[in-house]
Amino acid sequence: KQWYQRRVAITAGILPGSSLFSSDVSFGMIRGGHVDLTMLGGLQVSAKGDLANWMIPGKMVKGMGGAMDLVGSPGTTVVVTMEHTARGAHKILPECTLPLTGTQVVDKIITEKCVFNVVKDVGLVLEEMADGETIDSIKKATLASFEVSPDLKPLQQIKIQ
């Protein structure tokens, strides 16, 4: 394993088969529709799959980065991973209150409590739930309404080789 330090001073391991490329190549892949899956953090997600992840009003922002390009890329599945709540504030809402990165762009939300699919013309569907959580505890932590999948299962873990 080789080690690489990103310009923001975060060290990351590079495994065999990995690749690095410049920002212009990255945006060419995104804008050309060559990215199948995008995983992003989120500040807020709405019941319709709107995403707010680039700024909090009144806070200094260096720029919006490439998130708007990523969520707007044709054919890309967008998965948002985030804490279910932050400092007691709900993050999965009927409507986002922060500036939007994209409208109706999120396909799946993964938190420490559960996994929701965002289904067009339906809204949020609870698909997986962590041990120790109940439907009522998820409702309490989620301001947006949601349906419960008839195939609701325990939160799954992936195995990394």
N, C-alpha and C. Protein backbone atom coordinates (compact mmCIF):
# COMPACT_ATOMS: atom_id res chain seq x y z
N LYS A 1 0.85 -1.18 0.00
CA LYS A 1 0.00 0.00 0.00
C LYS A 1 0.89 1.24 0.00
N GLN A 2 0.62 2.16 -0.91
CA GLN A 2 1.33 3.43 -0.93
C GLN A 2 0.47 4.46 -0.22
N TRP A 3 1.10 5.49 0.30
CA TRP A 3 0.36 6.54 1.00
C TRP A 3 0.43 7.83 0.19
N TYR A 4 -0.66 8.54 0.19
CA TYR A 4 -0.79 9.76 -0.58
C TYR A 4 -1.41 10.80 0.33
N GLN A 5 -0.90 12.02 0.31
CA GLN A 5 -1.48 13.07 1.13
C GLN A 5 -2.18 14.07 0.23
N ARG A 6 -3.50 14.20 0.44
CA ARG A 6 -4.28 15.15 -0.34
C ARG A 6 -3.89 16.57 0.05
N ARG A 7 -4.28 17.53 -0.76
CA ARG A 7 -3.89 18.92 -0.50
C ARG A 7 -4.49 19.47 0.77
N VAL A 8 -5.51 18.82 1.34
CA VAL A 8 -6.07 19.27 2.61
C VAL A 8 -5.45 18.51 3.77
N ALA A 9 -4.29 17.89 3.52
CA ALA A 9 -3.48 17.25 4.55
C ALA A 9 -4.15 16.03 5.18
N ILE A 10 -4.92 15.30 4.41
CA ILE A 10 -5.50 14.05 4.87
C ILE A 10 -4.74 12.93 4.17
N THR A 11 -4.20 12.01 4.95
CA THR A 11 -3.44 10.91 4.37
C THR A 11 -4.39 9.78 4.00
N ALA A 12 -4.23 9.25 2.82
CA ALA A 12 -5.08 8.16 2.34
C ALA A 12 -4.19 7.07 1.76
N GLY A 13 -4.61 5.83 1.95
CA GLY A 13 -3.87 4.71 1.37
C GLY A 13 -4.30 4.46 -0.06
N ILE A 14 -3.35 4.11 -0.90
CA ILE A 14 -3.62 3.80 -2.29
C ILE A 14 -3.39 2.31 -2.48
N LEU A 15 -4.43 1.59 -2.84
CA LEU A 15 -4.35 0.15 -3.03
C LEU A 15 -4.05 -0.18 -4.49
N PRO A 16 -3.50 -1.36 -4.74
CA PRO A 16 -3.28 -1.76 -6.14
C PRO A 16 -4.59 -1.69 -6.93
N GLY A 17 -4.52 -1.13 -8.12
CA GLY A 17 -5.71 -0.97 -8.95
C GLY A 17 -6.35 0.40 -8.80
N SER A 18 -5.89 1.18 -7.81
CA SER A 18 -6.41 2.53 -7.62
C SER A 18 -5.88 3.45 -8.71
N SER A 19 -6.53 4.56 -8.89
CA SER A 19 -6.02 5.54 -9.85
C SER A 19 -6.22 6.94 -9.30
N LEU A 20 -5.36 7.82 -9.71
CA LEU A 20 -5.44 9.24 -9.37
C LEU A 20 -5.51 10.01 -10.67
N PHE A 21 -6.25 11.11 -10.67
CA PHE A 21 -6.35 11.91 -11.88
C PHE A 21 -6.62 13.35 -11.48
N SER A 22 -6.40 14.24 -12.40
CA SER A 22 -6.52 15.67 -12.13
C SER A 22 -7.98 16.11 -12.07
N SER A 23 -8.18 17.29 -11.56
CA SER A 23 -9.52 17.85 -11.42
C SER A 23 -10.22 17.99 -12.77
N ASP A 24 -9.49 18.42 -13.81
CA ASP A 24 -10.14 18.60 -15.12
C ASP A 24 -10.61 17.27 -15.69
N VAL A 25 -9.83 16.20 -15.48
CA VAL A 25 -10.26 14.87 -15.94
C VAL A 25 -11.48 14.43 -15.12
N SER A 26 -11.46 14.71 -13.82
CA SER A 26 -12.58 14.35 -12.94
C SER A 26 -13.88 15.00 -13.43
N PHE A 27 -13.83 16.30 -13.69
CA PHE A 27 -15.04 16.98 -14.15
C PHE A 27 -15.46 16.51 -15.54
N GLY A 28 -14.51 16.13 -16.37
CA GLY A 28 -14.86 15.55 -17.68
C GLY A 28 -15.62 14.25 -17.52
N MET A 29 -15.19 13.41 -16.57
CA MET A 29 -15.90 12.15 -16.32
C MET A 29 -17.29 12.41 -15.77
N ILE A 30 -17.40 13.35 -14.83
CA ILE A 30 -18.69 13.67 -14.22
C ILE A 30 -19.64 14.24 -15.27
N ARG A 31 -19.21 15.29 -15.95
CA ARG A 31 -20.08 15.97 -16.91
C ARG A 31 -20.36 15.14 -18.14
N GLY A 32 -19.48 14.17 -18.41
CA GLY A 32 -19.69 13.28 -19.55
C GLY A 32 -20.61 12.10 -19.23
N GLY A 33 -21.08 12.03 -18.00
CA GLY A 33 -22.01 10.95 -17.63
C GLY A 33 -21.31 9.62 -17.39
N HIS A 34 -20.03 9.64 -16.98
CA HIS A 34 -19.27 8.40 -16.79
C HIS A 34 -19.18 7.96 -15.34
N VAL A 35 -19.94 8.60 -14.45
CA VAL A 35 -19.93 8.25 -13.03
C VAL A 35 -21.26 7.57 -12.70
N ASP A 36 -21.18 6.32 -12.25
CA ASP A 36 -22.40 5.55 -11.98
C ASP A 36 -22.94 5.77 -10.57
N LEU A 37 -22.06 6.05 -9.61
CA LEU A 37 -22.45 6.15 -8.21
C LEU A 37 -21.72 7.31 -7.56
N THR A 38 -22.45 8.15 -6.85
CA THR A 38 -21.88 9.25 -6.10
C THR A 38 -22.31 9.12 -4.65
N MET A 39 -21.35 9.12 -3.75
CA MET A 39 -21.64 9.10 -2.31
C MET A 39 -21.17 10.41 -1.71
N LEU A 40 -22.11 11.12 -1.09
CA LEU A 40 -21.83 12.45 -0.55
C LEU A 40 -22.31 12.54 0.89
N GLY A 41 -21.73 13.45 1.63
CA GLY A 41 -22.27 13.81 2.93
C GLY A 41 -23.39 14.81 2.71
N GLY A 42 -24.24 14.96 3.70
CA GLY A 42 -25.34 15.90 3.56
C GLY A 42 -25.61 16.66 4.83
N LEU A 43 -25.97 17.92 4.69
CA LEU A 43 -26.42 18.71 5.83
C LEU A 43 -27.91 18.49 6.05
N GLN A 44 -28.68 18.42 4.95
CA GLN A 44 -30.12 18.15 5.00
C GLN A 44 -30.53 17.41 3.74
N VAL A 45 -31.55 16.55 3.88
CA VAL A 45 -32.19 15.89 2.74
C VAL A 45 -33.69 16.00 2.96
N SER A 46 -34.43 16.30 1.89
CA SER A 46 -35.89 16.40 2.00
C SER A 46 -36.54 15.07 1.63
N ALA A 47 -37.81 14.98 1.93
CA ALA A 47 -38.59 13.77 1.63
C ALA A 47 -38.65 13.50 0.13
N LYS A 48 -38.44 14.52 -0.69
CA LYS A 48 -38.46 14.36 -2.15
C LYS A 48 -37.08 14.07 -2.73
N GLY A 49 -36.05 14.04 -1.86
CA GLY A 49 -34.71 13.79 -2.35
C GLY A 49 -33.92 15.03 -2.70
N ASP A 50 -34.39 16.21 -2.24
CA ASP A 50 -33.60 17.43 -2.40
C ASP A 50 -32.40 17.33 -1.46
N LEU A 51 -31.26 17.87 -1.87
CA LEU A 51 -30.04 17.81 -1.08
C LEU A 51 -29.49 19.20 -0.81
N ALA A 52 -29.16 19.46 0.44
CA ALA A 52 -28.43 20.66 0.85
C ALA A 52 -27.15 20.18 1.50
N ASN A 53 -26.01 20.46 0.85
CA ASN A 53 -24.75 19.98 1.44
C ASN A 53 -23.58 20.92 1.24
N TRP A 54 -23.82 22.14 0.79
CA TRP A 54 -22.65 22.95 0.46
C TRP A 54 -22.46 24.20 1.30
N MET A 55 -23.48 24.69 1.98
CA MET A 55 -23.25 25.87 2.81
C MET A 55 -24.29 26.03 3.89
N ILE A 56 -23.85 26.65 4.97
CA ILE A 56 -24.74 27.09 6.03
C ILE A 56 -24.69 28.60 6.02
N PRO A 57 -25.83 29.28 5.82
CA PRO A 57 -25.81 30.75 5.77
C PRO A 57 -25.12 31.34 7.00
N GLY A 58 -24.27 32.34 6.75
CA GLY A 58 -23.55 33.00 7.83
C GLY A 58 -22.20 32.38 8.14
N LYS A 59 -21.90 31.23 7.56
CA LYS A 59 -20.61 30.57 7.77
C LYS A 59 -19.74 30.83 6.54
N MET A 60 -18.42 30.88 6.75
CA MET A 60 -17.51 31.08 5.63
C MET A 60 -17.51 29.84 4.73
N VAL A 61 -17.59 30.07 3.43
CA VAL A 61 -17.62 28.99 2.46
C VAL A 61 -16.50 29.22 1.46
N LYS A 62 -15.69 28.19 1.23
CA LYS A 62 -14.60 28.30 0.26
C LYS A 62 -15.12 28.15 -1.17
N GLY A 63 -16.29 27.59 -1.33
CA GLY A 63 -16.87 27.36 -2.64
C GLY A 63 -17.70 26.10 -2.61
N MET A 64 -18.52 25.93 -3.60
CA MET A 64 -19.43 24.79 -3.58
C MET A 64 -18.78 23.50 -4.05
N GLY A 65 -17.59 23.57 -4.59
CA GLY A 65 -16.92 22.34 -5.03
C GLY A 65 -17.64 21.70 -6.20
N GLY A 66 -17.52 20.39 -6.31
CA GLY A 66 -18.10 19.68 -7.44
C GLY A 66 -19.40 18.97 -7.16
N ALA A 67 -19.98 19.19 -5.97
CA ALA A 67 -21.19 18.45 -5.60
C ALA A 67 -22.35 18.70 -6.56
N MET A 68 -22.52 19.94 -7.01
CA MET A 68 -23.62 20.23 -7.93
C MET A 68 -23.44 19.50 -9.25
N ASP A 69 -22.21 19.40 -9.71
CA ASP A 69 -21.94 18.63 -10.93
C ASP A 69 -22.23 17.15 -10.69
N LEU A 70 -21.79 16.63 -9.54
CA LEU A 70 -22.00 15.20 -9.24
C LEU A 70 -23.47 14.84 -9.19
N VAL A 71 -24.29 15.62 -8.48
CA VAL A 71 -25.70 15.26 -8.35
C VAL A 71 -26.48 15.53 -9.63
N GLY A 72 -25.95 16.40 -10.48
CA GLY A 72 -26.63 16.71 -11.74
C GLY A 72 -26.18 15.86 -12.90
N SER A 73 -25.24 14.96 -12.66
CA SER A 73 -24.71 14.12 -13.73
C SER A 73 -25.75 13.10 -14.17
N PRO A 74 -26.00 12.98 -15.48
CA PRO A 74 -27.03 12.05 -15.96
C PRO A 74 -26.70 10.60 -15.63
N GLY A 75 -27.70 9.88 -15.12
CA GLY A 75 -27.56 8.45 -14.87
C GLY A 75 -26.81 8.09 -13.60
N THR A 76 -26.46 9.07 -12.78
CA THR A 76 -25.72 8.80 -11.55
C THR A 76 -26.67 8.50 -10.40
N THR A 77 -26.41 7.41 -9.68
CA THR A 77 -27.14 7.12 -8.45
C THR A 77 -26.49 7.92 -7.34
N VAL A 78 -27.28 8.69 -6.58
CA VAL A 78 -26.75 9.54 -5.52
C VAL A 78 -27.14 8.97 -4.16
N VAL A 79 -26.13 8.65 -3.37
CA VAL A 79 -26.33 8.13 -2.02
C VAL A 79 -25.76 9.15 -1.05
N VAL A 80 -26.58 9.55 -0.07
CA VAL A 80 -26.14 10.51 0.94
C VAL A 80 -25.90 9.76 2.24
N THR A 81 -24.72 9.93 2.81
CA THR A 81 -24.39 9.34 4.10
C THR A 81 -24.22 10.49 5.09
N MET A 82 -24.88 10.38 6.24
CA MET A 82 -24.81 11.46 7.22
C MET A 82 -25.30 11.00 8.56
N GLU A 83 -25.05 11.82 9.59
CA GLU A 83 -25.66 11.57 10.89
C GLU A 83 -27.15 11.83 10.75
N HIS A 84 -27.95 11.05 11.47
CA HIS A 84 -29.40 11.20 11.36
C HIS A 84 -29.86 12.55 11.90
N THR A 85 -29.26 12.97 13.01
CA THR A 85 -29.51 14.29 13.58
C THR A 85 -28.15 14.89 13.93
N ALA A 86 -28.10 16.21 14.09
CA ALA A 86 -26.85 16.88 14.48
C ALA A 86 -27.15 17.87 15.59
N ARG A 87 -26.54 17.65 16.74
CA ARG A 87 -26.74 18.51 17.89
C ARG A 87 -28.23 18.71 18.18
N GLY A 88 -29.00 17.64 18.04
CA GLY A 88 -30.43 17.68 18.31
C GLY A 88 -31.29 18.18 17.16
N ALA A 89 -30.67 18.66 16.09
CA ALA A 89 -31.44 19.18 14.95
C ALA A 89 -31.71 18.07 13.94
N HIS A 90 -32.92 18.05 13.43
CA HIS A 90 -33.28 17.07 12.40
C HIS A 90 -32.59 17.41 11.09
N LYS A 91 -32.21 16.38 10.35
CA LYS A 91 -31.54 16.57 9.06
C LYS A 91 -32.33 15.98 7.90
N ILE A 92 -33.30 15.12 8.20
CA ILE A 92 -34.18 14.55 7.16
C ILE A 92 -35.53 15.22 7.37
N LEU A 93 -35.88 16.08 6.43
CA LEU A 93 -36.98 17.03 6.62
C LEU A 93 -38.01 16.95 5.50
N PRO A 94 -39.22 17.49 5.74
CA PRO A 94 -40.19 17.58 4.63
C PRO A 94 -39.64 18.46 3.50
N GLU A 95 -38.97 19.58 3.85
CA GLU A 95 -38.34 20.49 2.89
C GLU A 95 -37.02 20.95 3.49
N CYS A 96 -35.98 21.08 2.69
CA CYS A 96 -34.71 21.60 3.19
C CYS A 96 -34.85 23.09 3.49
N THR A 97 -34.17 23.54 4.53
CA THR A 97 -34.17 24.97 4.86
C THR A 97 -32.85 25.63 4.48
N LEU A 98 -31.84 24.85 4.17
CA LEU A 98 -30.55 25.38 3.73
C LEU A 98 -30.52 25.47 2.21
N PRO A 99 -29.60 26.26 1.65
CA PRO A 99 -29.49 26.36 0.18
C PRO A 99 -29.26 24.99 -0.45
N LEU A 100 -29.97 24.74 -1.55
CA LEU A 100 -29.93 23.42 -2.17
C LEU A 100 -28.73 23.23 -3.09
N THR A 101 -28.24 22.01 -3.07
CA THR A 101 -27.22 21.55 -4.00
C THR A 101 -27.90 21.01 -5.25
N GLY A 102 -29.04 20.34 -5.06
CA GLY A 102 -29.81 19.78 -6.16
C GLY A 102 -31.21 19.42 -5.71
N THR A 103 -32.17 19.46 -6.65
CA THR A 103 -33.54 19.09 -6.33
C THR A 103 -33.86 17.70 -6.85
N GLN A 104 -34.48 16.91 -6.03
CA GLN A 104 -34.90 15.54 -6.36
C GLN A 104 -33.75 14.72 -6.96
N VAL A 105 -32.59 14.76 -6.29
CA VAL A 105 -31.40 14.09 -6.81
C VAL A 105 -30.96 12.88 -5.97
N VAL A 106 -31.43 12.78 -4.73
CA VAL A 106 -30.97 11.73 -3.82
C VAL A 106 -31.78 10.45 -4.05
N ASP A 107 -31.07 9.33 -4.18
CA ASP A 107 -31.71 8.03 -4.36
C ASP A 107 -31.77 7.23 -3.07
N LYS A 108 -30.79 7.44 -2.17
CA LYS A 108 -30.71 6.65 -0.95
C LYS A 108 -30.07 7.50 0.14
N ILE A 109 -30.56 7.35 1.39
CA ILE A 109 -29.99 8.03 2.55
C ILE A 109 -29.53 6.94 3.51
N ILE A 110 -28.26 7.02 3.94
CA ILE A 110 -27.73 6.06 4.90
C ILE A 110 -27.29 6.83 6.14
N THR A 111 -27.85 6.48 7.29
CA THR A 111 -27.45 7.08 8.56
C THR A 111 -27.06 5.96 9.52
N GLU A 112 -26.64 6.36 10.72
CA GLU A 112 -26.30 5.36 11.73
C GLU A 112 -27.53 4.62 12.26
N LYS A 113 -28.72 5.17 12.00
CA LYS A 113 -29.96 4.57 12.48
C LYS A 113 -30.67 3.69 11.45
N CYS A 114 -30.55 4.08 10.17
CA CYS A 114 -31.36 3.38 9.17
C CYS A 114 -30.93 3.72 7.75
N VAL A 115 -31.62 3.08 6.82
CA VAL A 115 -31.44 3.37 5.39
C VAL A 115 -32.82 3.65 4.80
N PHE A 116 -32.92 4.79 4.10
CA PHE A 116 -34.13 5.14 3.36
C PHE A 116 -33.84 5.09 1.88
N ASN A 117 -34.77 4.59 1.08
CA ASN A 117 -34.76 4.80 -0.36
C ASN A 117 -35.67 5.98 -0.63
N VAL A 118 -35.32 6.80 -1.61
CA VAL A 118 -36.17 7.91 -2.03
C VAL A 118 -36.84 7.46 -3.31
N VAL A 119 -38.16 7.31 -3.26
CA VAL A 119 -38.93 6.77 -4.38
C VAL A 119 -39.78 7.88 -4.98
N LYS A 120 -39.62 8.10 -6.27
CA LYS A 120 -40.37 9.15 -6.97
C LYS A 120 -41.87 8.92 -6.78
N ASP A 121 -42.59 9.98 -6.52
CA ASP A 121 -44.05 9.98 -6.31
C ASP A 121 -44.48 9.24 -5.05
N VAL A 122 -43.53 8.78 -4.23
CA VAL A 122 -43.85 8.12 -2.96
C VAL A 122 -43.19 8.86 -1.81
N GLY A 123 -41.90 9.14 -1.96
CA GLY A 123 -41.12 9.78 -0.90
C GLY A 123 -40.16 8.78 -0.28
N LEU A 124 -39.97 8.91 1.02
CA LEU A 124 -39.02 8.07 1.73
C LEU A 124 -39.62 6.72 2.08
N VAL A 125 -38.82 5.66 1.90
CA VAL A 125 -39.23 4.31 2.27
C VAL A 125 -38.12 3.73 3.16
N LEU A 126 -38.48 3.38 4.39
CA LEU A 126 -37.54 2.80 5.32
C LEU A 126 -37.24 1.37 4.91
N GLU A 127 -35.98 1.09 4.58
CA GLU A 127 -35.58 -0.22 4.06
C GLU A 127 -34.80 -1.05 5.08
N GLU A 128 -33.95 -0.39 5.89
CA GLU A 128 -33.10 -1.08 6.85
C GLU A 128 -33.08 -0.28 8.15
N MET A 129 -32.92 -0.98 9.28
CA MET A 129 -32.93 -0.33 10.58
C MET A 129 -31.85 -0.95 11.46
N ALA A 130 -31.09 -0.10 12.18
CA ALA A 130 -30.00 -0.56 13.04
C ALA A 130 -30.55 -1.28 14.27
N ASP A 131 -29.73 -2.18 14.82
CA ASP A 131 -30.08 -2.84 16.07
C ASP A 131 -30.34 -1.78 17.14
N GLY A 132 -31.36 -2.00 17.94
CA GLY A 132 -31.69 -1.06 19.01
C GLY A 132 -32.64 0.04 18.60
N GLU A 133 -32.87 0.19 17.31
CA GLU A 133 -33.82 1.20 16.82
C GLU A 133 -35.20 0.57 16.64
N THR A 134 -36.21 1.40 16.72
CA THR A 134 -37.59 0.98 16.45
C THR A 134 -38.17 1.94 15.42
N ILE A 135 -39.28 1.57 14.84
CA ILE A 135 -39.92 2.49 13.88
C ILE A 135 -40.26 3.79 14.58
N ASP A 136 -40.70 3.71 15.84
CA ASP A 136 -41.02 4.94 16.58
C ASP A 136 -39.78 5.80 16.83
N SER A 137 -38.63 5.19 17.14
CA SER A 137 -37.42 5.99 17.36
C SER A 137 -36.95 6.64 16.06
N ILE A 138 -37.14 5.95 14.93
CA ILE A 138 -36.80 6.54 13.63
C ILE A 138 -37.75 7.69 13.33
N LYS A 139 -39.04 7.52 13.61
CA LYS A 139 -40.01 8.62 13.39
C LYS A 139 -39.65 9.84 14.22
N LYS A 140 -39.23 9.62 15.46
CA LYS A 140 -38.88 10.72 16.35
C LYS A 140 -37.66 11.49 15.83
N ALA A 141 -36.73 10.79 15.20
CA ALA A 141 -35.50 11.41 14.70
C ALA A 141 -35.64 11.95 13.27
N THR A 142 -36.78 11.73 12.63
CA THR A 142 -36.99 12.09 11.22
C THR A 142 -38.21 12.98 11.11
N LEU A 143 -38.04 14.24 10.72
CA LEU A 143 -39.20 15.13 10.58
C LEU A 143 -40.04 14.79 9.35
N ALA A 144 -39.40 14.30 8.32
CA ALA A 144 -40.14 13.93 7.10
C ALA A 144 -40.94 12.65 7.37
N SER A 145 -42.09 12.55 6.77
CA SER A 145 -42.86 11.31 6.89
C SER A 145 -42.24 10.26 5.97
N PHE A 146 -42.48 9.00 6.29
CA PHE A 146 -41.93 7.92 5.48
C PHE A 146 -42.83 6.70 5.57
N GLU A 147 -42.69 5.84 4.57
CA GLU A 147 -43.36 4.55 4.57
C GLU A 147 -42.36 3.49 5.03
N VAL A 148 -42.87 2.39 5.52
CA VAL A 148 -42.02 1.28 5.95
C VAL A 148 -42.12 0.17 4.91
N SER A 149 -40.99 -0.26 4.41
CA SER A 149 -40.97 -1.33 3.42
C SER A 149 -41.53 -2.61 4.02
N PRO A 150 -42.31 -3.36 3.26
CA PRO A 150 -42.77 -4.66 3.75
C PRO A 150 -41.61 -5.64 3.92
N ASP A 151 -40.45 -5.32 3.31
CA ASP A 151 -39.25 -6.15 3.42
C ASP A 151 -38.21 -5.52 4.35
N LEU A 152 -38.66 -4.75 5.36
CA LEU A 152 -37.74 -4.09 6.29
C LEU A 152 -36.79 -5.12 6.89
N LYS A 153 -35.49 -4.80 6.89
CA LYS A 153 -34.49 -5.75 7.40
C LYS A 153 -33.49 -5.02 8.29
N PRO A 154 -32.68 -5.77 9.03
CA PRO A 154 -31.64 -5.14 9.86
C PRO A 154 -30.62 -4.41 8.98
N LEU A 155 -30.03 -3.37 9.55
CA LEU A 155 -29.00 -2.62 8.85
C LEU A 155 -27.88 -3.55 8.42
N GLN A 156 -27.56 -3.55 7.15
CA GLN A 156 -26.57 -4.45 6.58
C GLN A 156 -25.18 -3.85 6.65
N GLN A 157 -24.20 -4.68 6.73
CA GLN A 157 -22.79 -4.27 6.70
C GLN A 157 -22.15 -4.89 5.46
N ILE A 158 -21.25 -4.15 4.86
CA ILE A 158 -20.52 -4.72 3.73
C ILE A 158 -19.17 -5.22 4.23
N LYS A 159 -18.66 -6.19 3.54
CA LYS A 159 -17.33 -6.73 3.87
C LYS A 159 -16.34 -6.16 2.88
N ILE A 160 -15.30 -5.54 3.41
CA ILE A 160 -14.25 -5.00 2.55
C ILE A 160 -13.11 -5.99 2.52
N GLN A 161 -12.70 -6.36 1.34
CA GLN A 161 -11.65 -7.36 1.16
C GLN A 161 -10.30 -6.77 1.43
